[in-house]
C-alpha cells in the first residue's frame, strides 16, 4: 500500500492496529507522528508505549504522562 500511495507523512492515534502502519512508515522513511489522546490520564496506552520505544515522535495531551514520554523524547502538546 505504501509503495503505491507514498504518503508525505503519517499522523497516528488509537489502538494497536496503528503499530504495523507506524513500522512500515518508519521503514519507508516517511515521517510518523503518534498522538496520545486526551482520554489517558494516569498511564500511557500499550500502543503509546510500543511506539515511543520504536523512536517515533510522540505527542501527549495530559501533563500527567510526562514522566513516561519525556524519557523517549515525547512532547507535551496540550489540547490539539
PDB file of N, CA and C in Angstrom:
ATOM      1  N   UNK A   1       0.818  -1.188   0.000  1.00  0.00           N
ATOM      2  CA  UNK A   1       0.000   0.000   0.000  1.00  0.00           C
ATOM      3  C   UNK A   1       0.866   1.257   0.000  1.00  0.00           C
ATOM      4  N   UNK A   2       1.904   1.305   0.849  1.00  0.00           N
ATOM      5  CA  UNK A   2       2.752   2.493   0.927  1.00  0.00           C
ATOM      6  C   UNK A   2       3.534   2.722  -0.354  1.00  0.00           C
ATOM      7  N   UNK A   3       3.892   1.661  -1.046  1.00  0.00           N
ATOM      8  CA  UNK A   3       4.669   1.806  -2.273  1.00  0.00           C
ATOM      9  C   UNK A   3       3.848   2.512  -3.341  1.00  0.00           C
ATOM     10  N   UNK A   4       2.558   2.215  -3.399  1.00  0.00           N
ATOM     11  CA  UNK A   4       1.688   2.822  -4.391  1.00  0.00           C
ATOM     12  C   UNK A   4       1.313   4.250  -4.000  1.00  0.00           C
ATOM     13  N   UNK A   5       0.907   4.457  -2.761  1.00  0.00           N
ATOM     14  CA  UNK A   5       0.421   5.763  -2.322  1.00  0.00           C
ATOM     15  C   UNK A   5       1.566   6.728  -2.019  1.00  0.00           C
ATOM     16  N   UNK A   6       2.592   6.267  -1.345  1.00  0.00           N
ATOM     17  CA  UNK A   6       3.769   7.061  -0.955  1.00  0.00           C
ATOM     18  C   UNK A   6       3.370   8.362  -0.241  1.00  0.00           C
ATOM     19  N   UNK A   7       2.861   8.257   1.001  1.00  0.00           N
ATOM     20  CA  UNK A   7       2.415   9.451   1.721  1.00  0.00           C
ATOM     21  C   UNK A   7       3.585  10.349   2.121  1.00  0.00           C
ATOM     22  N   UNK A   8       3.296  11.629   2.333  1.00  0.00           N
ATOM     23  CA  UNK A   8       4.314  12.583   2.788  1.00  0.00           C
ATOM     24  C   UNK A   8       4.563  12.451   4.282  1.00  0.00           C
ATOM     25  N   UNK A   9       3.597  11.943   5.017  1.00  0.00           N
ATOM     26  CA  UNK A   9       3.732  11.761   6.460  1.00  0.00           C
ATOM     27  C   UNK A   9       2.526  11.029   7.005  1.00  0.00           C
ATOM     28  N   UNK A  10       2.664  10.515   8.225  1.00  0.00           N
ATOM     29  CA  UNK A  10       1.578   9.800   8.879  1.00  0.00           C
ATOM     30  C   UNK A  10       1.323  10.392  10.249  1.00  0.00           C
ATOM     31  N   UNK A  11       0.065  10.611  10.574  1.00  0.00           N
ATOM     32  CA  UNK A  11      -0.347  11.034  11.909  1.00  0.00           C
ATOM     33  C   UNK A  11      -1.228   9.919  12.438  1.00  0.00           C
ATOM     34  N   UNK A  12      -0.797   9.324  13.551  1.00  0.00           N
ATOM     35  CA  UNK A  12      -1.489   8.157  14.084  1.00  0.00           C
ATOM     36  C   UNK A  12      -1.966   8.408  15.506  1.00  0.00           C
ATOM     37  N   UNK A  13      -3.082   7.819  15.854  1.00  0.00           N
ATOM     38  CA  UNK A  13      -3.577   7.786  17.224  1.00  0.00           C
ATOM     39  C   UNK A  13      -4.549   6.635  17.299  1.00  0.00           C
ATOM     40  N   UNK A  14      -4.637   6.031  18.465  1.00  0.00           N
ATOM     41  CA  UNK A  14      -5.603   4.963  18.608  1.00  0.00           C
ATOM     42  C   UNK A  14      -5.013   3.634  19.005  1.00  0.00           C
ATOM     43  N   UNK A  15      -5.675   2.546  18.620  1.00  0.00           N
ATOM     44  CA  UNK A  15      -5.352   1.223  19.127  1.00  0.00           C
ATOM     45  C   UNK A  15      -4.099   0.606  18.512  1.00  0.00           C
ATOM     46  N   UNK A  16      -3.848  -0.627  18.913  1.00  0.00           N
ATOM     47  CA  UNK A  16      -2.658  -1.354  18.473  1.00  0.00           C
ATOM     48  C   UNK A  16      -2.596  -1.562  16.959  1.00  0.00           C
ATOM     49  N   UNK A  17      -3.693  -1.365  16.272  1.00  0.00           N
ATOM     50  CA  UNK A  17      -3.731  -1.548  14.829  1.00  0.00           C
ATOM     51  C   UNK A  17      -2.752  -0.616  14.113  1.00  0.00           C
ATOM     52  N   UNK A  18      -2.456   0.537  14.687  1.00  0.00           N
ATOM     53  CA  UNK A  18      -1.594   1.501  14.006  1.00  0.00           C
ATOM     54  C   UNK A  18      -0.106   1.165  14.124  1.00  0.00           C
ATOM     55  N   UNK A  19       0.275   0.175  14.932  1.00  0.00           N
ATOM     56  CA  UNK A  19       1.696  -0.162  15.088  1.00  0.00           C
ATOM     57  C   UNK A  19       2.307  -0.685  13.787  1.00  0.00           C
ATOM     58  N   UNK A  20       1.680  -1.631  13.082  1.00  0.00           N
ATOM     59  CA  UNK A  20       2.282  -2.061  11.814  1.00  0.00           C
ATOM     60  C   UNK A  20       2.401  -0.923  10.788  1.00  0.00           C
ATOM     61  N   UNK A  21       1.437  -0.015  10.797  1.00  0.00           N
ATOM     62  CA  UNK A  21       1.495   1.127   9.889  1.00  0.00           C
ATOM     63  C   UNK A  21       2.659   2.031  10.268  1.00  0.00           C
ATOM     64  N   UNK A  22       2.875   2.242  11.561  1.00  0.00           N
ATOM     65  CA  UNK A  22       3.988   3.062  12.028  1.00  0.00           C
ATOM     66  C   UNK A  22       5.326   2.443  11.656  1.00  0.00           C
ATOM     67  N   UNK A  23       5.448   1.148  11.817  1.00  0.00           N
ATOM     68  CA  UNK A  23       6.693   0.457  11.470  1.00  0.00           C
ATOM     69  C   UNK A  23       6.936   0.534   9.968  1.00  0.00           C
ATOM     70  N   UNK A  24       5.898   0.323   9.164  1.00  0.00           N
ATOM     71  CA  UNK A  24       6.050   0.422   7.708  1.00  0.00           C
ATOM     72  C   UNK A  24       6.460   1.829   7.298  1.00  0.00           C
ATOM     73  N   UNK A  25       5.854   2.830   7.921  1.00  0.00           N
ATOM     74  CA  UNK A  25       6.222   4.211   7.605  1.00  0.00           C
ATOM     75  C   UNK A  25       7.660   4.511   7.979  1.00  0.00           C
ATOM     76  N   UNK A  26       8.093   4.008   9.115  1.00  0.00           N
ATOM     77  CA  UNK A  26       9.476   4.228   9.544  1.00  0.00           C
ATOM     78  C   UNK A  26      10.459   3.541   8.597  1.00  0.00           C
ATOM     79  N   UNK A  27      10.125   2.335   8.155  1.00  0.00           N
ATOM     80  CA  UNK A  27      10.992   1.623   7.214  1.00  0.00           C
ATOM     81  C   UNK A  27      11.071   2.322   5.857  1.00  0.00           C
ATOM     82  N   UNK A  28       9.975   2.969   5.465  1.00  0.00           N
ATOM     83  CA  UNK A  28       9.939   3.689   4.182  1.00  0.00           C
ATOM     84  C   UNK A  28      10.455   5.118   4.324  1.00  0.00           C
ATOM     85  N   UNK A  29      10.910   5.473   5.531  1.00  0.00           N
ATOM     86  CA  UNK A  29      11.439   6.809   5.837  1.00  0.00           C
ATOM     87  C   UNK A  29      10.410   7.910   5.620  1.00  0.00           C
ATOM     88  N   UNK A  30       9.197   7.616   6.012  1.00  0.00           N
ATOM     89  CA  UNK A  30       8.113   8.592   5.987  1.00  0.00           C
ATOM     90  C   UNK A  30       7.990   9.133   7.409  1.00  0.00           C
ATOM     91  N   UNK A  31       7.898  10.450   7.599  1.00  0.00           N
ATOM     92  CA  UNK A  31       7.734  10.992   8.955  1.00  0.00           C
ATOM     93  C   UNK A  31       6.464  10.461   9.611  1.00  0.00           C
ATOM     94  N   UNK A  32       6.611   9.955  10.844  1.00  0.00           N
ATOM     95  CA  UNK A  32       5.483   9.381  11.578  1.00  0.00           C
ATOM     96  C   UNK A  32       5.341  10.124  12.903  1.00  0.00           C
ATOM     97  N   UNK A  33       4.118  10.523  13.222  1.00  0.00           N
ATOM     98  CA  UNK A  33       3.806  11.200  14.483  1.00  0.00           C
ATOM     99  C   UNK A  33       2.677  10.436  15.146  1.00  0.00           C
ATOM    100  N   UNK A  34       2.838  10.146  16.435  1.00  0.00           N
ATOM    101  CA  UNK A  34       1.787   9.482  17.209  1.00  0.00           C
ATOM    102  C   UNK A  34       1.272  10.460  18.262  1.00  0.00           C
ATOM    103  N   UNK A  35      -0.043  10.545  18.408  1.00  0.00           N
ATOM    104  CA  UNK A  35      -0.661  11.420  19.391  1.00  0.00           C
ATOM    105  C   UNK A  35      -1.397  10.573  20.416  1.00  0.00           C
ATOM    106  N   UNK A  36      -0.974  10.696  21.670  1.00  0.00           N
ATOM    107  CA  UNK A  36      -1.669  10.023  22.780  1.00  0.00           C
ATOM    108  C   UNK A  36      -2.850  10.902  23.151  1.00  0.00           C
ATOM    109  N   UNK A  37      -4.047  10.383  23.022  1.00  0.00           N
ATOM    110  CA  UNK A  37      -5.249  11.204  23.154  1.00  0.00           C
ATOM    111  C   UNK A  37      -5.503  11.677  24.578  1.00  0.00           C
ATOM    112  N   UNK A  38      -6.390  12.611  24.687  1.00  0.00           N
ATOM    113  CA  UNK A  38      -6.741  13.270  25.937  1.00  0.00           C
ATOM    114  C   UNK A  38      -7.365  12.297  26.931  1.00  0.00           C
ATOM    115  N   UNK A  39      -7.862  11.178  26.494  1.00  0.00           N
ATOM    116  CA  UNK A  39      -8.572  10.243  27.374  1.00  0.00           C
ATOM    117  C   UNK A  39      -7.657   9.505  28.346  1.00  0.00           C
ATOM    118  N   UNK A  40      -6.351   9.570  28.162  1.00  0.00           N
ATOM    119  CA  UNK A  40      -5.411   8.889  29.051  1.00  0.00           C
ATOM    120  C   UNK A  40      -4.891   9.865  30.096  1.00  0.00           C
ATOM    121  N   UNK A  41      -5.035   9.510  31.386  1.00  0.00           N
ATOM    122  CA  UNK A  41      -4.621  10.406  32.462  1.00  0.00           C
ATOM    123  C   UNK A  41      -3.482   9.863  33.304  1.00  0.00           C
ATOM    124  N   UNK A  42      -3.508   8.588  33.627  1.00  0.00           N
ATOM    125  CA  UNK A  42      -2.528   8.068  34.583  1.00  0.00           C
ATOM    126  C   UNK A  42      -1.417   7.252  33.954  1.00  0.00           C
ATOM    127  N   UNK A  43      -1.681   6.588  32.861  1.00  0.00           N
ATOM    128  CA  UNK A  43      -0.662   5.749  32.227  1.00  0.00           C
ATOM    129  C   UNK A  43      -0.860   5.760  30.717  1.00  0.00           C
ATOM    130  N   UNK A  44       0.215   5.629  29.965  1.00  0.00           N
ATOM    131  CA  UNK A  44       0.084   5.604  28.505  1.00  0.00           C
ATOM    132  C   UNK A  44      -0.558   4.296  28.036  1.00  0.00           C
ATOM    133  N   UNK A  45      -1.098   4.319  26.846  1.00  0.00           N
ATOM    134  CA  UNK A  45      -1.677   3.113  26.267  1.00  0.00           C
ATOM    135  C   UNK A  45      -0.563   2.152  25.869  1.00  0.00           C
ATOM    136  N   UNK A  46      -0.933   0.902  25.604  1.00  0.00           N
ATOM    137  CA  UNK A  46       0.067  -0.060  25.116  1.00  0.00           C
ATOM    138  C   UNK A  46       0.649   0.401  23.794  1.00  0.00           C
ATOM    139  N   UNK A  47      -0.187   0.958  22.958  1.00  0.00           N
ATOM    140  CA  UNK A  47       0.292   1.474  21.677  1.00  0.00           C
ATOM    141  C   UNK A  47       1.319   2.577  21.893  1.00  0.00           C
ATOM    142  N   UNK A  48       1.028   3.499  22.791  1.00  0.00           N
ATOM    143  CA  UNK A  48       1.953   4.588  23.085  1.00  0.00           C
ATOM    144  C   UNK A  48       3.287   4.087  23.606  1.00  0.00           C
ATOM    145  N   UNK A  49       3.249   3.080  24.460  1.00  0.00           N
ATOM    146  CA  UNK A  49       4.493   2.516  24.992  1.00  0.00           C
ATOM    147  C   UNK A  49       5.350   1.901  23.898  1.00  0.00           C
ATOM    148  N   UNK A  50       4.717   1.136  23.020  1.00  0.00           N
ATOM    149  CA  UNK A  50       5.460   0.474  21.951  1.00  0.00           C
ATOM    150  C   UNK A  50       6.003   1.484  20.959  1.00  0.00           C
ATOM    151  N   UNK A  51       5.182   2.424  20.534  1.00  0.00           N
ATOM    152  CA  UNK A  51       5.606   3.402  19.533  1.00  0.00           C
ATOM    153  C   UNK A  51       6.708   4.305  20.079  1.00  0.00           C
ATOM    154  N   UNK A  52       6.623   4.696  21.335  1.00  0.00           N
ATOM    155  CA  UNK A  52       7.668   5.537  21.925  1.00  0.00           C
ATOM    156  C   UNK A  52       9.003   4.801  21.940  1.00  0.00           C
ATOM    157  N   UNK A  53       8.973   3.515  22.239  1.00  0.00           N
ATOM    158  CA  UNK A  53      10.204   2.730  22.270  1.00  0.00           C
ATOM    159  C   UNK A  53      10.769   2.473  20.878  1.00  0.00           C
ATOM    160  N   UNK A  54       9.948   2.598  19.849  1.00  0.00           N
ATOM    161  CA  UNK A  54      10.424   2.449  18.472  1.00  0.00           C
ATOM    162  C   UNK A  54      11.120   3.710  17.964  1.00  0.00           C
ATOM    163  N   UNK A  55      11.068   4.767  18.728  1.00  0.00           N
ATOM    164  CA  UNK A  55      11.717   6.007  18.335  1.00  0.00           C
ATOM    165  C   UNK A  55      10.878   6.890  17.437  1.00  0.00           C
ATOM    166  N   UNK A  56       9.585   6.697  17.455  1.00  0.00           N
ATOM    167  CA  UNK A  56       8.679   7.514  16.650  1.00  0.00           C
ATOM    168  C   UNK A  56       8.256   8.714  17.482  1.00  0.00           C
ATOM    169  N   UNK A  57       8.169   9.868  16.846  1.00  0.00           N
ATOM    170  CA  UNK A  57       7.829  11.113  17.543  1.00  0.00           C
ATOM    171  C   UNK A  57       6.436  11.017  18.156  1.00  0.00           C
ATOM    172  N   UNK A  58       6.356  11.316  19.459  1.00  0.00           N
ATOM    173  CA  UNK A  58       5.097  11.214  20.199  1.00  0.00           C
ATOM    174  C   UNK A  58       4.723  12.555  20.811  1.00  0.00           C
ATOM    175  N   UNK A  59       3.438  12.842  20.781  1.00  0.00           N
ATOM    176  CA  UNK A  59       2.881  13.995  21.477  1.00  0.00           C
ATOM    177  C   UNK A  59       1.826  13.477  22.437  1.00  0.00           C
ATOM    178  N   UNK A  60       1.766  14.058  23.629  1.00  0.00           N
ATOM    179  CA  UNK A  60       0.753  13.658  24.594  1.00  0.00           C
ATOM    180  C   UNK A  60      -0.002  14.890  25.051  1.00  0.00           C
ATOM    181  N   UNK A  61      -1.259  14.678  25.478  1.00  0.00           N
ATOM    182  CA  UNK A  61      -2.146  15.787  25.790  1.00  0.00           C
ATOM    183  C   UNK A  61      -2.381  15.990  27.280  1.00  0.00           C
ATOM    184  N   UNK A  62      -1.861  15.134  28.129  1.00  0.00           N
ATOM    185  CA  UNK A  62      -2.019  15.280  29.574  1.00  0.00           C
ATOM    186  C   UNK A  62      -0.649  15.375  30.229  1.00  0.00           C
ATOM    187  N   UNK A  63      -0.457  16.369  31.060  1.00  0.00           N
ATOM    188  CA  UNK A  63       0.834  16.561  31.729  1.00  0.00           C
ATOM    189  C   UNK A  63       1.192  15.392  32.637  1.00  0.00           C
ATOM    190  N   UNK A  64       0.214  14.651  33.099  1.00  0.00           N
ATOM    191  CA  UNK A  64       0.487  13.521  33.982  1.00  0.00           C
ATOM    192  C   UNK A  64       1.245  12.395  33.278  1.00  0.00           C
ATOM    193  N   UNK A  65       1.285  12.389  31.950  1.00  0.00           N
ATOM    194  CA  UNK A  65       2.011  11.374  31.198  1.00  0.00           C
ATOM    195  C   UNK A  65       3.456  11.759  30.930  1.00  0.00           C
ATOM    196  N   UNK A  66       3.875  12.927  31.404  1.00  0.00           N
ATOM    197  CA  UNK A  66       5.225  13.419  31.140  1.00  0.00           C
ATOM    198  C   UNK A  66       6.299  12.493  31.684  1.00  0.00           C
ATOM    199  N   UNK A  67       6.069  11.868  32.825  1.00  0.00           N
ATOM    200  CA  UNK A  67       7.090  11.006  33.419  1.00  0.00           C
ATOM    201  C   UNK A  67       7.440   9.836  32.511  1.00  0.00           C
ATOM    202  N   UNK A  68       6.501   9.377  31.700  1.00  0.00           N
ATOM    203  CA  UNK A  68       6.806   8.290  30.770  1.00  0.00           C
ATOM    204  C   UNK A  68       7.373   8.807  29.456  1.00  0.00           C
ATOM    205  N   UNK A  69       6.669   9.722  28.812  1.00  0.00           N
ATOM    206  CA  UNK A  69       7.040  10.130  27.457  1.00  0.00           C
ATOM    207  C   UNK A  69       8.316  10.968  27.390  1.00  0.00           C
ATOM    208  N   UNK A  70       8.642  11.698  28.435  1.00  0.00           N
ATOM    209  CA  UNK A  70       9.856  12.507  28.402  1.00  0.00           C
ATOM    210  C   UNK A  70      11.119  11.653  28.308  1.00  0.00           C
ATOM    211  N   UNK A  71      11.056  10.418  28.795  1.00  0.00           N
ATOM    212  CA  UNK A  71      12.207   9.507  28.681  1.00  0.00           C
ATOM    213  C   UNK A  71      12.500   9.149  27.231  1.00  0.00           C
ATOM    214  N   UNK A  72      11.479   9.176  26.389  1.00  0.00           N
ATOM    215  CA  UNK A  72      11.618   8.780  24.997  1.00  0.00           C
ATOM    216  C   UNK A  72      11.543   9.958  24.032  1.00  0.00           C
ATOM    217  N   UNK A  73      11.630  11.160  24.536  1.00  0.00           N
ATOM    218  CA  UNK A  73      11.609  12.336  23.663  1.00  0.00           C
ATOM    219  C   UNK A  73      10.225  12.818  23.293  1.00  0.00           C
ATOM    220  N   UNK A  74       9.200  12.384  24.008  1.00  0.00           N
ATOM    221  CA  UNK A  74       7.850  12.850  23.730  1.00  0.00           C
ATOM    222  C   UNK A  74       7.688  14.301  24.146  1.00  0.00           C
ATOM    223  N   UNK A  75       6.693  14.957  23.567  1.00  0.00           N
ATOM    224  CA  UNK A  75       6.462  16.362  23.855  1.00  0.00           C
ATOM    225  C   UNK A  75       5.020  16.591  24.274  1.00  0.00           C
ATOM    226  N   UNK A  76       4.867  17.446  25.274  1.00  0.00           N
ATOM    227  CA  UNK A  76       3.526  17.843  25.702  1.00  0.00           C
ATOM    228  C   UNK A  76       2.942  18.801  24.683  1.00  0.00           C
ATOM    229  N   UNK A  77       1.735  18.500  24.203  1.00  0.00           N
ATOM    230  CA  UNK A  77       1.118  19.327  23.181  1.00  0.00           C
ATOM    231  C   UNK A  77      -0.111  20.077  23.676  1.00  0.00           C
ATOM    232  N   UNK A  78      -0.613  19.742  24.853  1.00  0.00           N
ATOM    233  CA  UNK A  78      -1.838  20.365  25.312  1.00  0.00           C
ATOM    234  C   UNK A  78      -3.007  19.887  24.476  1.00  0.00           C
ATOM    235  N   UNK A  79      -4.049  20.663  24.449  1.00  0.00           N
ATOM    236  CA  UNK A  79      -5.210  20.295  23.628  1.00  0.00           C
ATOM    237  C   UNK A  79      -4.894  20.521  22.165  1.00  0.00           C
ATOM    238  N   UNK A  80      -5.192  19.532  21.366  1.00  0.00           N
ATOM    239  CA  UNK A  80      -4.984  19.651  19.915  1.00  0.00           C
ATOM    240  C   UNK A  80      -6.298  19.785  19.205  1.00  0.00           C
TER     241      UNK A  80
END
